[in-house]
Amino acid sequence: MKKATLLLLLFCISISSFGQNLPKGFVYLKDVDHTIQSEMRYISHNNFIGKPIDGYQKATIIVSKPAAIALKKVQQKLMQFNLSLKVFDAYRPQQAVDHFVRWAKRLNDTLMKQYYYPKVPKNQLFKLGYIASKSGHTRGSTVDLTIVDVTTGKELDMGSPYDFFGNTSHVIYKKLTEKQRANRLLLRSLMLSNGFNPYENEWWHFTLKNEPFPSTYFNFPIN
């Protein structure tokens, strides 16, 4: 085999094995900590739109390197108690956010309303802040996550599902059980102590305090 052909073959194997060439400062979370679990709903039909979302081409978590390192620290704490992080979303391309906006304007498209926003009128999604034209996720250092019991494989009861549009998802929702409140506090305290800021309307949503790209909204696909 000629040297040039061999080099091309090795390059193709490398690309297929390790994915795309990420922008500087981004990493695949699995390369920093392979024990962190994930469930990429936006590549599936199990999300508030009910269809795969633009820009999600592979079920893999991409995030800024500083955020990945911070998540690894959280995971190390949890693993001591046979618990694990489970990430639903991290970096989100702008094309996905644009997809959300287009969907929100189609008021007759309510396929997943009973599961994700049963008590919220769709025409109020912008006003109430559930949908916006810009997202911290697109800057690469915001994550949506929960905690899983490694033994059972089940998520801890947080009082509402991930991505649920409603008051029950607010961090200080008054009608939580003692256990649900404790589970939210566990996640919140671990994320805070490792450099993340919470978002009060979504118990699952955290942004790295010193994010490396505070003003840049990226649009490369997830693959």
Protein backbone atom coordinates (compact mmCIF):
# COMPACT_ATOMS: atom_id res chain seq x y z
CA MET A 1 0.00 0.00 0.00
CA LYS A 2 1.34 3.40 -0.94
CA LYS A 3 2.18 5.81 1.88
CA ALA A 4 -0.35 8.44 0.72
CA THR A 5 -3.16 5.86 0.61
CA LEU A 6 -2.25 4.57 4.05
CA LEU A 7 -2.29 8.09 5.52
CA LEU A 8 -5.71 8.77 3.97
CA LEU A 9 -7.07 5.51 5.42
CA LEU A 10 -5.74 6.35 8.89
CA PHE A 11 -7.28 9.84 8.64
CA CYS A 12 -10.69 8.39 7.73
CA ILE A 13 -10.51 5.90 10.61
CA SER A 14 -9.59 8.73 12.96
CA ILE A 15 -12.54 10.86 11.86
CA SER A 16 -15.04 7.98 12.16
CA SER A 17 -13.71 7.02 15.58
CA PHE A 18 -13.46 10.38 17.25
CA GLY A 19 -16.17 12.47 15.54
CA GLN A 20 -15.90 15.97 14.21
CA ASN A 21 -13.12 18.49 14.62
CA LEU A 22 -14.49 20.58 17.47
CA PRO A 23 -13.79 24.31 17.79
CA LYS A 24 -10.95 25.11 20.16
CA GLY A 25 -12.15 25.05 23.74
CA PHE A 26 -14.82 22.37 23.21
CA VAL A 27 -14.63 18.67 24.11
CA TYR A 28 -16.72 15.53 24.05
CA LEU A 29 -17.80 15.00 27.65
CA LYS A 30 -17.13 11.26 27.39
CA ASP A 31 -13.44 12.03 26.73
CA VAL A 32 -13.22 13.87 30.05
CA ASP A 33 -15.38 11.50 32.11
CA HIS A 34 -16.88 8.42 30.47
CA THR A 35 -18.86 7.50 33.60
CA ILE A 36 -21.30 10.41 33.27
CA GLN A 37 -24.57 9.14 31.83
CA SER A 38 -26.57 10.90 29.14
CA GLU A 39 -29.96 10.87 27.44
CA MET A 40 -30.04 13.02 24.32
CA ARG A 41 -33.74 13.65 23.89
CA TYR A 42 -33.34 16.28 21.18
CA ILE A 43 -32.07 13.67 18.72
CA SER A 44 -35.23 11.62 19.32
CA HIS A 45 -39.00 12.12 19.29
CA ASN A 46 -39.11 12.28 23.10
CA ASN A 47 -38.99 16.04 23.57
CA PHE A 48 -41.44 18.94 23.81
CA ILE A 49 -41.68 19.24 20.01
CA GLY A 50 -42.00 15.51 19.39
CA LYS A 51 -39.47 15.38 16.55
CA PRO A 52 -35.65 15.32 16.23
CA ILE A 53 -34.24 18.84 16.54
CA ASP A 54 -32.12 20.56 13.89
CA GLY A 55 -28.38 20.29 14.55
CA TYR A 56 -28.55 17.13 16.65
CA GLN A 57 -26.99 14.48 14.43
CA LYS A 58 -25.45 12.15 17.00
CA ALA A 59 -26.24 11.19 20.60
CA THR A 60 -23.11 12.67 22.14
CA ILE A 61 -22.54 15.44 24.66
CA ILE A 62 -20.36 18.38 23.60
CA VAL A 63 -19.44 21.07 26.11
CA SER A 64 -16.72 23.63 26.80
CA LYS A 65 -13.61 22.12 28.34
CA PRO A 66 -13.85 24.09 31.64
CA ALA A 67 -17.47 22.98 32.05
CA ALA A 68 -16.50 19.36 31.37
CA ILE A 69 -13.76 19.48 34.00
CA ALA A 70 -16.21 20.95 36.53
CA LEU A 71 -18.77 18.23 35.74
CA LYS A 72 -16.11 15.60 36.31
CA LYS A 73 -15.60 16.98 39.83
CA VAL A 74 -19.32 16.76 40.54
CA GLN A 75 -19.37 13.20 39.22
CA GLN A 76 -16.49 12.16 41.45
CA LYS A 77 -18.47 13.33 44.49
CA LEU A 78 -21.61 11.49 43.42
CA MET A 79 -19.83 8.24 42.59
CA GLN A 80 -18.79 7.93 46.23
CA PHE A 81 -22.47 7.34 46.99
CA ASN A 82 -23.23 5.13 43.99
CA LEU A 83 -24.89 8.03 42.20
CA SER A 84 -24.19 9.55 38.79
CA LEU A 85 -24.93 12.64 36.76
CA LYS A 86 -27.20 12.18 33.78
CA VAL A 87 -26.90 14.91 31.14
CA PHE A 88 -29.85 15.69 28.86
CA ASP A 89 -28.30 18.58 26.97
CA ALA A 90 -25.18 20.72 26.96
CA TYR A 91 -23.90 22.61 23.89
CA ARG A 92 -26.88 23.40 21.64
CA PRO A 93 -26.35 24.78 18.13
CA GLN A 94 -28.14 28.01 17.19
CA GLN A 95 -29.99 26.13 14.46
CA ALA A 96 -31.69 24.09 17.20
CA VAL A 97 -32.75 27.26 19.02
CA ASP A 98 -34.12 28.58 15.71
CA HIS A 99 -36.06 25.32 15.37
CA PHE A 100 -37.62 25.90 18.82
CA VAL A 101 -38.63 29.44 17.82
CA ARG A 102 -40.26 28.32 14.56
CA TRP A 103 -42.16 25.61 16.41
CA ALA A 104 -43.37 28.00 19.12
CA LYS A 105 -44.89 30.26 16.46
CA ARG A 106 -46.93 27.37 15.00
CA LEU A 107 -49.70 27.48 17.58
CA ASN A 108 -51.61 24.50 16.17
CA ASP A 109 -48.61 22.14 16.61
CA THR A 110 -49.30 20.78 20.11
CA LEU A 111 -48.28 17.15 19.65
CA MET A 112 -46.50 16.87 23.03
CA LYS A 113 -48.55 19.36 25.05
CA GLN A 114 -50.00 16.82 27.48
CA TYR A 115 -46.51 15.61 28.41
CA TYR A 116 -44.43 18.80 28.51
CA TYR A 117 -46.70 21.85 28.91
CA PRO A 118 -50.25 20.71 29.83
CA LYS A 119 -51.16 23.86 31.78
CA VAL A 120 -49.28 26.46 29.74
CA PRO A 121 -50.95 27.98 26.64
CA LYS A 122 -48.58 27.66 23.73
CA ASN A 123 -49.03 31.32 22.82
CA GLN A 124 -47.51 32.20 26.21
CA LEU A 125 -44.23 30.27 25.79
CA PHE A 126 -42.22 33.34 24.73
CA LYS A 127 -43.74 35.65 27.31
CA LEU A 128 -43.12 33.19 30.15
CA GLY A 129 -39.52 32.62 29.10
CA TYR A 130 -39.74 28.97 28.09
CA ILE A 131 -38.68 29.74 24.51
CA ALA A 132 -36.20 32.45 23.46
CA SER A 133 -34.23 33.35 20.35
CA LYS A 134 -30.93 33.01 22.24
CA SER A 135 -29.86 30.31 24.68
CA GLY A 136 -26.96 29.99 27.09
CA HIS A 137 -26.57 26.43 25.82
CA THR A 138 -25.33 27.80 22.51
CA ARG A 139 -22.34 29.37 24.29
CA GLY A 140 -21.23 25.86 25.28
CA SER A 141 -21.13 26.01 29.09
CA THR A 142 -24.76 25.46 30.08
CA VAL A 143 -25.98 21.97 30.95
CA ASP A 144 -29.30 20.29 31.66
CA LEU A 145 -28.93 17.33 34.00
CA THR A 146 -30.18 15.23 36.87
CA ILE A 147 -28.91 12.53 39.23
CA VAL A 148 -29.28 8.78 38.73
CA ASP A 149 -29.05 5.91 41.21
CA VAL A 150 -26.38 3.70 39.63
CA THR A 151 -27.73 0.55 41.30
CA THR A 152 -31.28 0.87 39.99
CA GLY A 153 -30.58 3.00 36.93
CA LYS A 154 -33.47 5.25 37.93
CA GLU A 155 -33.42 9.04 38.12
CA LEU A 156 -33.89 10.58 41.56
CA ASP A 157 -37.38 12.04 42.03
CA MET A 158 -37.05 15.78 41.41
CA GLY A 159 -40.76 16.56 41.53
CA SER A 160 -41.17 17.21 37.81
CA PRO A 161 -39.76 15.72 34.60
CA TYR A 162 -36.91 17.30 32.66
CA ASP A 163 -38.02 20.05 30.25
CA PHE A 164 -41.46 20.34 31.86
CA PHE A 165 -42.92 23.81 31.30
CA GLY A 166 -44.65 24.80 34.52
CA ASN A 167 -44.35 26.01 38.09
CA THR A 168 -43.48 22.54 39.35
CA SER A 169 -40.09 22.89 37.64
CA HIS A 170 -39.23 26.08 39.53
CA VAL A 171 -36.48 25.50 42.06
CA ILE A 172 -38.50 26.92 44.98
CA TYR A 173 -41.81 25.23 44.09
CA LYS A 174 -43.73 25.01 47.37
CA LYS A 175 -45.51 21.67 46.96
CA LEU A 176 -42.49 19.37 46.72
CA THR A 177 -42.22 16.43 49.06
CA GLU A 178 -39.36 16.40 51.54
CA LYS A 179 -37.51 13.83 49.41
CA GLN A 180 -37.98 15.79 46.19
CA ARG A 181 -36.73 18.94 47.87
CA ALA A 182 -33.69 17.08 49.22
CA ASN A 183 -32.88 15.67 45.78
CA ARG A 184 -33.03 19.11 44.16
CA LEU A 185 -30.90 20.55 46.94
CA LEU A 186 -28.29 17.82 46.46
CA LEU A 187 -27.97 18.59 42.75
CA ARG A 188 -28.01 22.34 43.31
CA SER A 189 -25.41 22.34 46.10
CA LEU A 190 -23.00 20.12 44.16
CA MET A 191 -23.28 22.27 41.04
CA LEU A 192 -22.88 25.51 43.00
CA SER A 193 -19.82 24.24 44.85
CA ASN A 194 -18.19 23.31 41.55
CA GLY A 195 -18.60 26.61 39.75
CA PHE A 196 -22.09 26.57 38.24
CA ASN A 197 -24.95 29.04 38.61
CA PRO A 198 -28.52 27.67 38.74
CA TYR A 199 -31.55 28.92 36.82
CA GLU A 200 -34.47 29.42 39.21
CA ASN A 201 -37.22 28.38 36.76
CA GLU A 202 -35.64 25.03 35.83
CA TRP A 203 -34.16 22.76 38.50
CA TRP A 204 -32.08 20.93 35.86
CA HIS A 205 -30.41 23.98 34.26
CA PHE A 206 -26.94 25.26 35.25
CA THR A 207 -24.37 27.58 33.64
CA LEU A 208 -20.66 27.72 34.42
CA LYS A 209 -19.95 30.98 36.28
CA ASN A 210 -16.74 31.75 34.42
CA GLU A 211 -17.83 30.47 31.02
CA PRO A 212 -15.12 30.84 28.36
CA PHE A 213 -17.44 32.12 25.59
CA PRO A 214 -19.87 34.51 27.35
CA SER A 215 -20.80 36.41 24.19
CA THR A 216 -20.42 33.82 21.43
CA TYR A 217 -23.34 31.78 20.10
CA PHE A 218 -22.05 28.79 18.13
CA ASN A 219 -23.83 26.92 15.35
CA PHE A 220 -21.76 23.84 14.54
CA PRO A 221 -23.83 20.61 14.54
CA ILE A 222 -23.53 17.84 17.12
CA ASN A 223 -22.02 14.82 15.39
